Amino acid sequence: MHECRQGGSRSVTAKLLLRNNNILIPEDLVIEILLWLPVKSLVRFRCVCKFWEHLLTTNLNFTGLYYDRQF
């Protein structure tokens, strides 16, 4: 599980979609959702947490999957 920090002592995970309800979403589902988003949104989402930054900038598997989905 990858942990993200958000303001002060509040801790949120990369798998967490709804913070108030604590609904966890599997990492592969998060990746599948991100694959459908436009590049402009992905660039903005790099600052969500370190895991997403790594996924969106240096993970060649995600980059390849995204490229294949678009073309």
PDB file of N, CA and C in Angstrom:
ATOM      1  N   MET A   1       0.849  -1.175   0.000  1.00  0.00           N
ATOM      2  CA  MET A   1       0.000   0.000   0.000  1.00  0.00           C
ATOM      3  C   MET A   1       0.894   1.237   0.000  1.00  0.00           C
ATOM      4  N   HIS A   2       0.613   2.171  -0.846  1.00  0.00           N
ATOM      5  CA  HIS A   2       1.389   3.391  -0.955  1.00  0.00           C
ATOM      6  C   HIS A   2       0.680   4.505  -0.214  1.00  0.00           C
ATOM      7  N   GLU A   3       1.421   5.193   0.615  1.00  0.00           N
ATOM      8  CA  GLU A   3       0.806   6.223   1.450  1.00  0.00           C
ATOM      9  C   GLU A   3       1.074   7.610   0.893  1.00  0.00           C
ATOM     10  N   CYS A   4       0.080   8.436   0.919  1.00  0.00           N
ATOM     11  CA  CYS A   4       0.189   9.817   0.468  1.00  0.00           C
ATOM     12  C   CYS A   4      -0.112  10.730   1.641  1.00  0.00           C
ATOM     13  N   ARG A   5       0.543  11.858   1.685  1.00  0.00           N
ATOM     14  CA  ARG A   5       0.284  12.837   2.740  1.00  0.00           C
ATOM     15  C   ARG A   5      -0.523  13.985   2.158  1.00  0.00           C
ATOM     16  N   GLN A   6      -1.474  14.437   2.923  1.00  0.00           N
ATOM     17  CA  GLN A   6      -2.298  15.544   2.462  1.00  0.00           C
ATOM     18  C   GLN A   6      -2.552  16.470   3.632  1.00  0.00           C
ATOM     19  N   GLY A   7      -1.922  17.616   3.620  1.00  0.00           N
ATOM     20  CA  GLY A   7      -2.123  18.637   4.629  1.00  0.00           C
ATOM     21  C   GLY A   7      -2.072  18.167   6.062  1.00  0.00           C
ATOM     22  N   GLY A   8      -1.133  18.625   6.839  1.00  0.00           N
ATOM     23  CA  GLY A   8      -1.051  18.319   8.257  1.00  0.00           C
ATOM     24  C   GLY A   8      -0.858  16.848   8.541  1.00  0.00           C
ATOM     25  N   SER A   9      -1.634  16.301   9.471  1.00  0.00           N
ATOM     26  CA  SER A   9      -1.468  14.912   9.885  1.00  0.00           C
ATOM     27  C   SER A   9      -2.416  13.968   9.158  1.00  0.00           C
ATOM     28  N   ARG A  10      -3.210  14.476   8.253  1.00  0.00           N
ATOM     29  CA  ARG A  10      -4.170  13.636   7.531  1.00  0.00           C
ATOM     30  C   ARG A  10      -3.429  12.731   6.547  1.00  0.00           C
ATOM     31  N   SER A  11      -3.643  11.461   6.648  1.00  0.00           N
ATOM     32  CA  SER A  11      -2.977  10.486   5.793  1.00  0.00           C
ATOM     33  C   SER A  11      -4.000   9.830   4.878  1.00  0.00           C
ATOM     34  N   VAL A  12      -3.655   9.737   3.606  1.00  0.00           N
ATOM     35  CA  VAL A  12      -4.542   9.133   2.618  1.00  0.00           C
ATOM     36  C   VAL A  12      -3.698   8.164   1.807  1.00  0.00           C
ATOM     37  N   THR A  13      -4.253   7.047   1.412  1.00  0.00           N
ATOM     38  CA  THR A  13      -3.507   6.096   0.601  1.00  0.00           C
ATOM     39  C   THR A  13      -3.834   6.291  -0.863  1.00  0.00           C
ATOM     40  N   ALA A  14      -2.947   5.777  -1.730  1.00  0.00           N
ATOM     41  CA  ALA A  14      -3.175   5.851  -3.171  1.00  0.00           C
ATOM     42  C   ALA A  14      -4.398   5.030  -3.561  1.00  0.00           C
ATOM     43  N   LYS A  15      -4.762   4.066  -2.743  1.00  0.00           N
ATOM     44  CA  LYS A  15      -5.907   3.219  -3.047  1.00  0.00           C
ATOM     45  C   LYS A  15      -7.216   3.831  -2.568  1.00  0.00           C
ATOM     46  N   LEU A  16      -7.155   4.922  -1.873  1.00  0.00           N
ATOM     47  CA  LEU A  16      -8.347   5.520  -1.276  1.00  0.00           C
ATOM     48  C   LEU A  16      -9.018   6.453  -2.266  1.00  0.00           C
ATOM     49  N   LEU A  17     -10.276   6.189  -2.575  1.00  0.00           N
ATOM     50  CA  LEU A  17     -11.011   7.043  -3.493  1.00  0.00           C
ATOM     51  C   LEU A  17     -11.893   8.022  -2.726  1.00  0.00           C
ATOM     52  N   LEU A  18     -12.669   7.540  -1.806  1.00  0.00           N
ATOM     53  CA  LEU A  18     -13.558   8.389  -1.032  1.00  0.00           C
ATOM     54  C   LEU A  18     -13.016   8.494   0.390  1.00  0.00           C
ATOM     55  N   ARG A  19     -12.414   9.628   0.721  1.00  0.00           N
ATOM     56  CA  ARG A  19     -11.768   9.785   2.017  1.00  0.00           C
ATOM     57  C   ARG A  19     -12.748   9.667   3.173  1.00  0.00           C
ATOM     58  N   ASN A  20     -13.899  10.254   3.059  1.00  0.00           N
ATOM     59  CA  ASN A  20     -14.850  10.263   4.174  1.00  0.00           C
ATOM     60  C   ASN A  20     -15.417   8.884   4.477  1.00  0.00           C
ATOM     61  N   ASN A  21     -15.590   8.057   3.459  1.00  0.00           N
ATOM     62  CA  ASN A  21     -16.194   6.741   3.653  1.00  0.00           C
ATOM     63  C   ASN A  21     -15.177   5.612   3.782  1.00  0.00           C
ATOM     64  N   ASN A  22     -13.894   5.915   3.602  1.00  0.00           N
ATOM     65  CA  ASN A  22     -12.825   4.926   3.692  1.00  0.00           C
ATOM     66  C   ASN A  22     -13.043   3.732   2.769  1.00  0.00           C
ATOM     67  N   ILE A  23     -13.435   3.970   1.555  1.00  0.00           N
ATOM     68  CA  ILE A  23     -13.611   2.902   0.579  1.00  0.00           C
ATOM     69  C   ILE A  23     -12.279   2.724  -0.146  1.00  0.00           C
ATOM     70  N   LEU A  24     -11.696   1.543  -0.014  1.00  0.00           N
ATOM     71  CA  LEU A  24     -10.418   1.253  -0.654  1.00  0.00           C
ATOM     72  C   LEU A  24     -10.649   0.648  -2.028  1.00  0.00           C
ATOM     73  N   ILE A  25      -9.851   1.070  -2.967  1.00  0.00           N
ATOM     74  CA  ILE A  25      -9.951   0.572  -4.333  1.00  0.00           C
ATOM     75  C   ILE A  25      -8.615  -0.088  -4.669  1.00  0.00           C
ATOM     76  N   PRO A  26      -8.635  -1.276  -5.234  1.00  0.00           N
ATOM     77  CA  PRO A  26      -7.393  -1.962  -5.591  1.00  0.00           C
ATOM     78  C   PRO A  26      -6.544  -1.115  -6.560  1.00  0.00           C
ATOM     79  N   GLU A  27      -5.243  -1.260  -6.418  1.00  0.00           N
ATOM     80  CA  GLU A  27      -4.307  -0.483  -7.216  1.00  0.00           C
ATOM     81  C   GLU A  27      -4.523  -0.681  -8.717  1.00  0.00           C
ATOM     82  N   ASP A  28      -4.799  -1.911  -9.138  1.00  0.00           N
ATOM     83  CA  ASP A  28      -4.995  -2.169 -10.562  1.00  0.00           C
ATOM     84  C   ASP A  28      -6.228  -1.447 -11.107  1.00  0.00           C
ATOM     85  N   LEU A  29      -7.238  -1.270 -10.282  1.00  0.00           N
ATOM     86  CA  LEU A  29      -8.429  -0.528 -10.706  1.00  0.00           C
ATOM     87  C   LEU A  29      -8.124   0.969 -10.822  1.00  0.00           C
ATOM     88  N   VAL A  30      -7.327   1.490  -9.902  1.00  0.00           N
ATOM     89  CA  VAL A  30      -6.908   2.894  -9.987  1.00  0.00           C
ATOM     90  C   VAL A  30      -6.151   3.122 -11.285  1.00  0.00           C
ATOM     91  N   ILE A  31      -5.253   2.201 -11.620  1.00  0.00           N
ATOM     92  CA  ILE A  31      -4.478   2.314 -12.864  1.00  0.00           C
ATOM     93  C   ILE A  31      -5.411   2.259 -14.067  1.00  0.00           C
ATOM     94  N   GLU A  32      -6.367   1.354 -14.048  1.00  0.00           N
ATOM     95  CA  GLU A  32      -7.323   1.236 -15.164  1.00  0.00           C
ATOM     96  C   GLU A  32      -8.112   2.533 -15.352  1.00  0.00           C
ATOM     97  N   ILE A  33      -8.509   3.158 -14.262  1.00  0.00           N
ATOM     98  CA  ILE A  33      -9.239   4.432 -14.348  1.00  0.00           C
ATOM     99  C   ILE A  33      -8.340   5.520 -14.920  1.00  0.00           C
ATOM    100  N   LEU A  34      -7.097   5.586 -14.439  1.00  0.00           N
ATOM    101  CA  LEU A  34      -6.165   6.602 -14.927  1.00  0.00           C
ATOM    102  C   LEU A  34      -5.875   6.444 -16.414  1.00  0.00           C
ATOM    103  N   LEU A  35      -5.916   5.224 -16.908  1.00  0.00           N
ATOM    104  CA  LEU A  35      -5.646   4.988 -18.333  1.00  0.00           C
ATOM    105  C   LEU A  35      -6.684   5.645 -19.242  1.00  0.00           C
ATOM    106  N   TRP A  36      -7.865   5.918 -18.725  1.00  0.00           N
ATOM    107  CA  TRP A  36      -8.933   6.512 -19.530  1.00  0.00           C
ATOM    108  C   TRP A  36      -8.925   8.038 -19.524  1.00  0.00           C
ATOM    109  N   LEU A  37      -8.082   8.641 -18.704  1.00  0.00           N
ATOM    110  CA  LEU A  37      -8.088  10.098 -18.571  1.00  0.00           C
ATOM    111  C   LEU A  37      -7.227  10.765 -19.639  1.00  0.00           C
ATOM    112  N   PRO A  38      -7.550  12.002 -19.995  1.00  0.00           N
ATOM    113  CA  PRO A  38      -6.710  12.730 -20.946  1.00  0.00           C
ATOM    114  C   PRO A  38      -5.367  13.103 -20.308  1.00  0.00           C
ATOM    115  N   VAL A  39      -4.370  13.327 -21.144  1.00  0.00           N
ATOM    116  CA  VAL A  39      -3.017  13.640 -20.683  1.00  0.00           C
ATOM    117  C   VAL A  39      -3.020  14.867 -19.771  1.00  0.00           C
ATOM    118  N   LYS A  40      -3.790  15.867 -20.104  1.00  0.00           N
ATOM    119  CA  LYS A  40      -3.824  17.095 -19.299  1.00  0.00           C
ATOM    120  C   LYS A  40      -4.195  16.792 -17.847  1.00  0.00           C
ATOM    121  N   SER A  41      -5.144  15.917 -17.638  1.00  0.00           N
ATOM    122  CA  SER A  41      -5.536  15.530 -16.277  1.00  0.00           C
ATOM    123  C   SER A  41      -4.421  14.745 -15.596  1.00  0.00           C
ATOM    124  N   LEU A  42      -3.779  13.844 -16.317  1.00  0.00           N
ATOM    125  CA  LEU A  42      -2.703  13.049 -15.733  1.00  0.00           C
ATOM    126  C   LEU A  42      -1.549  13.932 -15.272  1.00  0.00           C
ATOM    127  N   VAL A  43      -1.249  14.952 -16.041  1.00  0.00           N
ATOM    128  CA  VAL A  43      -0.178  15.878 -15.657  1.00  0.00           C
ATOM    129  C   VAL A  43      -0.538  16.566 -14.345  1.00  0.00           C
ATOM    130  N   ARG A  44      -1.775  16.963 -14.185  1.00  0.00           N
ATOM    131  CA  ARG A  44      -2.213  17.601 -12.935  1.00  0.00           C
ATOM    132  C   ARG A  44      -2.190  16.617 -11.771  1.00  0.00           C
ATOM    133  N   PHE A  45      -2.509  15.348 -12.022  1.00  0.00           N
ATOM    134  CA  PHE A  45      -2.613  14.358 -10.955  1.00  0.00           C
ATOM    135  C   PHE A  45      -1.266  13.871 -10.446  1.00  0.00           C
ATOM    136  N   ARG A  46      -0.169  14.271 -11.093  1.00  0.00           N
ATOM    137  CA  ARG A  46       1.155  13.870 -10.608  1.00  0.00           C
ATOM    138  C   ARG A  46       1.417  14.365  -9.192  1.00  0.00           C
ATOM    139  N   CYS A  47       0.767  15.438  -8.793  1.00  0.00           N
ATOM    140  CA  CYS A  47       1.018  16.003  -7.466  1.00  0.00           C
ATOM    141  C   CYS A  47       0.094  15.429  -6.391  1.00  0.00           C
ATOM    142  N   VAL A  48      -0.722  14.437  -6.697  1.00  0.00           N
ATOM    143  CA  VAL A  48      -1.620  13.841  -5.699  1.00  0.00           C
ATOM    144  C   VAL A  48      -0.807  13.163  -4.591  1.00  0.00           C
ATOM    145  N   CYS A  49       0.156  12.344  -4.973  1.00  0.00           N
ATOM    146  CA  CYS A  49       1.038  11.696  -4.001  1.00  0.00           C
ATOM    147  C   CYS A  49       2.255  11.144  -4.744  1.00  0.00           C
ATOM    148  N   LYS A  50       3.247  10.694  -3.988  1.00  0.00           N
ATOM    149  CA  LYS A  50       4.485  10.203  -4.605  1.00  0.00           C
ATOM    150  C   LYS A  50       4.246   8.969  -5.465  1.00  0.00           C
ATOM    151  N   PHE A  51       3.332   8.113  -5.045  1.00  0.00           N
ATOM    152  CA  PHE A  51       3.038   6.924  -5.844  1.00  0.00           C
ATOM    153  C   PHE A  51       2.490   7.301  -7.215  1.00  0.00           C
ATOM    154  N   TRP A  52       1.544   8.224  -7.243  1.00  0.00           N
ATOM    155  CA  TRP A  52       0.974   8.648  -8.527  1.00  0.00           C
ATOM    156  C   TRP A  52       2.034   9.357  -9.363  1.00  0.00           C
ATOM    157  N   GLU A  53       2.895  10.152  -8.751  1.00  0.00           N
ATOM    158  CA  GLU A  53       3.964  10.818  -9.500  1.00  0.00           C
ATOM    159  C   GLU A  53       4.867   9.782 -10.149  1.00  0.00           C
ATOM    160  N   HIS A  54       5.258   8.769  -9.380  1.00  0.00           N
ATOM    161  CA  HIS A  54       6.093   7.703  -9.929  1.00  0.00           C
ATOM    162  C   HIS A  54       5.362   6.971 -11.051  1.00  0.00           C
ATOM    163  N   LEU A  55       4.125   6.642 -10.812  1.00  0.00           N
ATOM    164  CA  LEU A  55       3.331   5.913 -11.798  1.00  0.00           C
ATOM    165  C   LEU A  55       3.214   6.689 -13.106  1.00  0.00           C
ATOM    166  N   LEU A  56       2.953   7.979 -13.004  1.00  0.00           N
ATOM    167  CA  LEU A  56       2.674   8.792 -14.194  1.00  0.00           C
ATOM    168  C   LEU A  56       3.923   9.326 -14.884  1.00  0.00           C
ATOM    169  N   THR A  57       5.074   9.301 -14.222  1.00  0.00           N
ATOM    170  CA  THR A  57       6.265   9.879 -14.848  1.00  0.00           C
ATOM    171  C   THR A  57       7.350   8.861 -15.155  1.00  0.00           C
ATOM    172  N   THR A  58       7.537   7.854 -14.317  1.00  0.00           N
ATOM    173  CA  THR A  58       8.680   6.953 -14.524  1.00  0.00           C
ATOM    174  C   THR A  58       8.297   5.499 -14.754  1.00  0.00           C
ATOM    175  N   ASN A  59       7.058   5.131 -14.535  1.00  0.00           N
ATOM    176  CA  ASN A  59       6.642   3.748 -14.709  1.00  0.00           C
ATOM    177  C   ASN A  59       6.407   3.471 -16.200  1.00  0.00           C
ATOM    178  N   LEU A  60       7.350   2.753 -16.806  1.00  0.00           N
ATOM    179  CA  LEU A  60       7.260   2.490 -18.248  1.00  0.00           C
ATOM    180  C   LEU A  60       6.091   1.573 -18.591  1.00  0.00           C
ATOM    181  N   ASN A  61       5.699   0.710 -17.676  1.00  0.00           N
ATOM    182  CA  ASN A  61       4.552  -0.167 -17.918  1.00  0.00           C
ATOM    183  C   ASN A  61       3.277   0.660 -18.077  1.00  0.00           C
ATOM    184  N   PHE A  62       3.056   1.627 -17.179  1.00  0.00           N
ATOM    185  CA  PHE A  62       1.878   2.481 -17.287  1.00  0.00           C
ATOM    186  C   PHE A  62       1.929   3.300 -18.577  1.00  0.00           C
ATOM    187  N   THR A  63       3.097   3.839 -18.882  1.00  0.00           N
ATOM    188  CA  THR A  63       3.255   4.644 -20.099  1.00  0.00           C
ATOM    189  C   THR A  63       2.922   3.819 -21.337  1.00  0.00           C
ATOM    190  N   GLY A  64       3.416   2.583 -21.383  1.00  0.00           N
ATOM    191  CA  GLY A  64       3.125   1.701 -22.512  1.00  0.00           C
ATOM    192  C   GLY A  64       1.651   1.360 -22.610  1.00  0.00           C
ATOM    193  N   LEU A  65       1.030   1.063 -21.468  1.00  0.00           N
ATOM    194  CA  LEU A  65      -0.393   0.766 -21.461  1.00  0.00           C
ATOM    195  C   LEU A  65      -1.208   1.965 -21.939  1.00  0.00           C
ATOM    196  N   TYR A  66      -0.815   3.154 -21.481  1.00  0.00           N
ATOM    197  CA  TYR A  66      -1.538   4.369 -21.865  1.00  0.00           C
ATOM    198  C   TYR A  66      -1.398   4.616 -23.369  1.00  0.00           C
ATOM    199  N   TYR A  67      -0.194   4.453 -23.876  1.00  0.00           N
ATOM    200  CA  TYR A  67       0.042   4.660 -25.305  1.00  0.00           C
ATOM    201  C   TYR A  67      -0.774   3.663 -26.134  1.00  0.00           C
ATOM    202  N   ASP A  68      -0.770   2.400 -25.723  1.00  0.00           N
ATOM    203  CA  ASP A  68      -1.532   1.386 -26.441  1.00  0.00           C
ATOM    204  C   ASP A  68      -3.034   1.673 -26.414  1.00  0.00           C
ATOM    205  N   ARG A  69      -3.536   2.185 -25.311  1.00  0.00           N
ATOM    206  CA  ARG A  69      -4.967   2.480 -25.179  1.00  0.00           C
ATOM    207  C   ARG A  69      -5.373   3.633 -26.093  1.00  0.00           C
ATOM    208  N   GLN A  70      -4.480   4.609 -26.266  1.00  0.00           N
ATOM    209  CA  GLN A  70      -4.807   5.802 -27.041  1.00  0.00           C
ATOM    210  C   GLN A  70      -4.722   5.572 -28.547  1.00  0.00           C
ATOM    211  N   PHE A  71      -3.864   4.636 -28.963  1.00  0.00           N
ATOM    212  CA  PHE A  71      -3.660   4.457 -30.414  1.00  0.00           C
ATOM    213  C   PHE A  71      -3.962   3.070 -30.876  1.00  0.00           C
TER     214      PHE A  71
END
